[in-house]
Amino acid sequence: MTTLDNKTLVIIGASSGIAARIAADATDQGAQVISVGRPEVDLTEEKSVRALAERVGELDYLVTLAADHANGPVTELDRDAVHRAFDAKVIGPILLAKHFADRFRPGGAMLLFSGVAAWRPAPGRAVMAATNAAAATLAEALAVELAPLRVNALSPGIVDSGAWDGPTKEAFFAAVAARNPARRIGTPADIAAAALLALTNPFLTGTTLHVDGGGRLA
């Protein structure tokens, strides 16, 4: 295992929940963290991604958690919403790989975020299933093409990250925990620990880490 001490980590995506926990834990371990939200980079615009790469310069690790959901019945989906979902989860990471690949220091790694919906699809979640599955496959392809740069994916299950807050949260979490083999809901700390493992384990590449409490099997 390598350490995060004096490493540069770029995090693309939300600044709260899981992303915030990854940033905090990495900082605690000595990393220089650059958190990038939508105001700083637009993954739908290649010139925005290129400009970000030029501003960052050399780096060690990159994590992208960007997502733009297009949920709902297939018969009611809006094409532009579907396109934005693929921009965030698939096309955006391809552009990140294109413009950052030559900037990683030796031992560097990328981490893409997939999700349990790819392995446990549900009505109204066809686009989520497709984009998450594509992200996992993309990690494998990039690991081969960009070697020795390591590229992995992480597939969270249901996590108490703030995304599920609302009047039905307690009942929903109880139902998910009851059927999960782990018998609990995930926390941002669970996901952050796996993310940092994927970044720092020098023999881990082309793999999807399932941090879902066994939810894909339930």
Protein backbone atom coordinates (compact mmCIF):
# COMPACT_ATOMS: atom_id res chain seq x y z
CA MET A 1 0.00 0.00 0.00
CA THR A 2 1.16 3.52 -0.78
CA THR A 3 0.32 6.47 1.42
CA LEU A 4 -1.56 9.67 0.67
CA ASP A 5 1.06 11.86 2.29
CA ASN A 6 1.92 14.76 -0.04
CA LYS A 7 -0.19 13.29 -2.85
CA THR A 8 -2.46 15.46 -4.98
CA LEU A 9 -6.03 14.17 -5.17
CA VAL A 10 -8.63 15.74 -7.45
CA ILE A 11 -12.27 15.00 -6.60
CA ILE A 12 -14.88 15.73 -9.27
CA GLY A 13 -18.49 15.92 -8.15
CA ALA A 14 -20.63 16.89 -5.20
CA SER A 15 -18.98 18.65 -2.27
CA SER A 16 -21.16 17.03 0.39
CA GLY A 17 -21.91 13.49 1.54
CA ILE A 18 -19.57 10.87 0.12
CA ALA A 19 -17.31 13.33 -1.72
CA ALA A 20 -16.86 15.42 1.40
CA ARG A 21 -15.95 12.36 3.46
CA ILE A 22 -13.39 11.20 0.89
CA ALA A 23 -11.87 14.68 0.90
CA ALA A 24 -11.77 14.86 4.69
CA ASP A 25 -10.25 11.41 5.15
CA ALA A 26 -7.67 11.99 2.42
CA THR A 27 -6.71 15.33 3.95
CA ASP A 28 -6.32 13.67 7.35
CA GLN A 29 -3.89 11.24 5.72
CA GLY A 30 -1.76 14.04 4.30
CA ALA A 31 -3.15 14.50 0.80
CA GLN A 32 -3.56 17.82 -0.95
CA VAL A 33 -7.21 17.67 -2.03
CA ILE A 34 -8.67 19.70 -4.88
CA SER A 35 -12.47 19.47 -4.80
CA VAL A 36 -14.13 20.45 -8.07
CA GLY A 37 -17.86 21.08 -8.47
CA ARG A 38 -20.01 22.11 -11.40
CA PRO A 39 -19.03 25.78 -11.17
CA GLU A 40 -15.38 24.78 -11.78
CA VAL A 41 -15.88 22.16 -14.51
CA ASP A 42 -18.64 21.24 -16.91
CA LEU A 43 -18.25 17.62 -17.97
CA THR A 44 -20.47 18.26 -20.98
CA GLU A 45 -17.91 20.70 -22.40
CA GLU A 46 -14.52 19.35 -23.45
CA LYS A 47 -12.92 22.78 -23.29
CA SER A 48 -13.95 23.00 -19.62
CA VAL A 49 -12.31 19.64 -18.85
CA ARG A 50 -9.18 20.64 -20.77
CA ALA A 51 -8.97 23.92 -18.86
CA LEU A 52 -9.28 22.11 -15.54
CA ALA A 53 -6.46 19.72 -16.46
CA GLU A 54 -4.25 22.66 -17.37
CA ARG A 55 -5.01 24.41 -14.06
CA VAL A 56 -4.33 21.30 -11.97
CA GLY A 57 -1.12 20.28 -13.70
CA GLU A 58 0.46 17.13 -12.26
CA LEU A 59 -1.56 14.94 -9.91
CA ASP A 60 -1.53 11.52 -8.29
CA TYR A 61 -5.17 10.53 -7.99
CA LEU A 62 -8.51 11.50 -9.50
CA VAL A 63 -11.98 10.50 -8.32
CA THR A 64 -15.15 11.35 -10.21
CA LEU A 65 -18.51 11.12 -8.46
CA ALA A 66 -20.41 13.26 -10.97
CA ALA A 67 -23.99 12.13 -11.58
CA ASP A 68 -27.08 13.54 -13.27
CA HIS A 69 -30.01 11.19 -12.86
CA ALA A 70 -32.71 10.59 -15.44
CA ASN A 71 -35.14 8.45 -13.48
CA GLY A 72 -38.65 7.51 -14.47
CA PRO A 73 -40.54 5.12 -16.74
CA VAL A 74 -38.80 4.48 -20.04
CA THR A 75 -41.93 5.56 -21.90
CA GLU A 76 -41.70 9.01 -20.30
CA LEU A 77 -37.96 9.68 -20.45
CA ASP A 78 -36.67 12.94 -21.88
CA ARG A 79 -33.84 12.45 -24.36
CA ASP A 80 -31.86 15.45 -23.09
CA ALA A 81 -32.05 14.14 -19.51
CA VAL A 82 -30.77 10.75 -20.67
CA HIS A 83 -27.92 12.45 -22.53
CA ARG A 84 -26.97 14.45 -19.42
CA ALA A 85 -26.91 11.25 -17.36
CA PHE A 86 -24.44 9.66 -19.79
CA ASP A 87 -22.41 12.88 -19.91
CA ALA A 88 -21.91 12.74 -16.14
CA LYS A 89 -21.18 9.03 -15.71
CA VAL A 90 -19.60 7.96 -18.98
CA ILE A 91 -18.68 10.68 -21.49
CA GLY A 92 -17.35 13.02 -18.80
CA PRO A 93 -15.00 10.37 -17.34
CA ILE A 94 -13.76 9.59 -20.85
CA LEU A 95 -12.89 13.28 -21.29
CA LEU A 96 -11.23 13.34 -17.89
CA ALA A 97 -9.11 10.35 -18.89
CA LYS A 98 -8.25 12.01 -22.20
CA HIS A 99 -7.01 15.25 -20.67
CA PHE A 100 -5.52 14.01 -17.41
CA ALA A 101 -3.90 10.70 -18.47
CA ASP A 102 -0.49 12.22 -19.21
CA ARG A 103 -0.50 14.32 -16.04
CA PHE A 104 -0.48 11.48 -13.48
CA ARG A 105 2.71 10.88 -11.57
CA PRO A 106 4.05 7.29 -11.35
CA GLY A 107 1.75 5.14 -9.22
CA GLY A 108 -1.28 7.28 -10.05
CA ALA A 109 -4.86 6.08 -10.21
CA MET A 110 -8.35 7.07 -11.32
CA LEU A 111 -11.56 6.01 -9.58
CA LEU A 112 -14.94 6.10 -11.30
CA PHE A 113 -18.23 5.75 -9.45
CA SER A 114 -20.70 3.11 -10.57
CA GLY A 115 -23.67 1.98 -8.44
CA VAL A 116 -25.72 -0.98 -7.28
CA ALA A 117 -28.49 -0.21 -9.80
CA ALA A 118 -26.29 -1.74 -12.50
CA TRP A 119 -26.57 -5.14 -10.80
CA ARG A 120 -30.02 -4.74 -9.27
CA PRO A 121 -32.14 -2.81 -11.78
CA ALA A 122 -35.59 -1.60 -10.85
CA PRO A 123 -38.53 -0.07 -12.72
CA GLY A 124 -37.90 3.60 -13.40
CA ARG A 125 -34.14 3.17 -13.08
CA ALA A 126 -33.18 1.97 -16.56
CA VAL A 127 -30.88 4.91 -17.26
CA MET A 128 -29.26 4.65 -13.84
CA ALA A 129 -28.62 0.94 -14.43
CA ALA A 130 -27.17 1.58 -17.87
CA THR A 131 -24.86 4.44 -16.89
CA ASN A 132 -23.58 2.66 -13.80
CA ALA A 133 -22.88 -0.51 -15.77
CA ALA A 134 -21.11 1.55 -18.42
CA ALA A 135 -18.94 3.23 -15.78
CA ALA A 136 -17.81 -0.16 -14.46
CA THR A 137 -16.97 -1.39 -17.96
CA LEU A 138 -15.20 1.87 -18.76
CA ALA A 139 -12.94 1.40 -15.74
CA GLU A 140 -11.84 -1.97 -17.11
CA ALA A 141 -11.20 -0.56 -20.58
CA LEU A 142 -9.24 2.43 -19.30
CA ALA A 143 -7.18 0.20 -16.99
CA VAL A 144 -6.00 -1.70 -20.06
CA GLU A 145 -5.51 1.27 -22.36
CA LEU A 146 -3.87 3.65 -19.89
CA ALA A 147 -1.69 1.13 -18.04
CA PRO A 148 0.32 1.44 -15.88
CA LEU A 149 -2.10 4.10 -14.68
CA ARG A 150 -4.54 2.21 -12.50
CA VAL A 151 -8.28 2.67 -13.04
CA ASN A 152 -11.01 1.17 -10.88
CA ALA A 153 -14.70 1.68 -10.20
CA LEU A 154 -16.59 1.73 -6.93
CA SER A 155 -20.22 0.66 -6.71
CA PRO A 156 -21.99 1.92 -3.57
CA GLY A 157 -25.27 0.57 -2.35
CA ILE A 158 -27.82 2.60 -0.41
CA VAL A 159 -25.84 5.10 1.66
CA ASP A 160 -27.02 7.63 4.24
CA SER A 161 -25.31 10.47 2.40
CA GLY A 162 -28.13 13.00 2.47
CA ALA A 163 -29.44 12.03 -0.96
CA TRP A 164 -32.32 10.07 0.58
CA ASP A 165 -33.41 12.66 3.14
CA GLY A 166 -37.17 13.09 3.25
CA PRO A 167 -40.32 11.88 4.95
CA THR A 168 -39.98 8.27 3.75
CA LYS A 169 -36.26 7.91 4.56
CA GLU A 170 -36.63 6.00 7.83
CA ALA A 171 -39.03 3.40 6.43
CA PHE A 172 -36.99 3.01 3.24
CA PHE A 173 -33.74 2.53 5.14
CA ALA A 174 -35.36 -0.01 7.44
CA ALA A 175 -36.62 -2.05 4.49
CA VAL A 176 -33.23 -1.95 2.71
CA ALA A 177 -31.33 -2.90 5.89
CA ALA A 178 -33.67 -5.81 6.54
CA ARG A 179 -32.90 -7.44 3.19
CA ASN A 180 -29.22 -6.51 2.88
CA PRO A 181 -26.90 -9.36 3.93
CA ALA A 182 -24.97 -6.80 6.02
CA ARG A 183 -28.28 -5.85 7.72
CA ARG A 184 -27.47 -2.15 7.68
CA ILE A 185 -27.34 0.96 5.53
CA GLY A 186 -24.02 2.27 4.26
CA THR A 187 -22.31 5.40 5.53
CA PRO A 188 -20.06 7.90 3.73
CA ALA A 189 -17.21 6.55 5.87
CA ASP A 190 -17.74 3.06 4.41
CA ILE A 191 -17.47 4.39 0.88
CA ALA A 192 -14.55 6.71 1.60
CA ALA A 193 -12.50 3.88 3.10
CA ALA A 194 -13.01 1.77 -0.02
CA ALA A 195 -12.25 4.72 -2.30
CA LEU A 196 -8.91 5.38 -0.62
CA LEU A 197 -8.10 1.66 -0.79
CA ALA A 198 -8.73 1.69 -4.54
CA LEU A 199 -6.44 4.69 -4.96
CA THR A 200 -3.55 3.47 -2.83
CA ASN A 201 -3.37 -0.29 -3.47
CA PRO A 202 -0.71 -0.60 -6.20
CA PHE A 203 -1.94 -4.04 -7.33
CA LEU A 204 -5.60 -3.13 -7.78
CA THR A 205 -6.76 -2.10 -11.25
CA GLY A 206 -9.58 -2.83 -13.69
CA THR A 207 -11.83 -3.81 -10.79
CA THR A 208 -15.21 -2.71 -9.46
CA LEU A 209 -15.39 -2.65 -5.67
CA HIS A 210 -18.92 -3.47 -4.49
CA VAL A 211 -19.47 -1.56 -1.25
CA ASP A 212 -23.17 -2.23 -0.97
CA GLY A 213 -23.70 -4.41 2.08
CA GLY A 214 -24.45 -7.24 -0.33
CA GLY A 215 -27.36 -5.25 -1.72
CA ARG A 216 -26.79 -6.44 -5.28
CA LEU A 217 -27.50 -9.98 -4.05
CA ALA A 218 -30.59 -9.19 -2.01
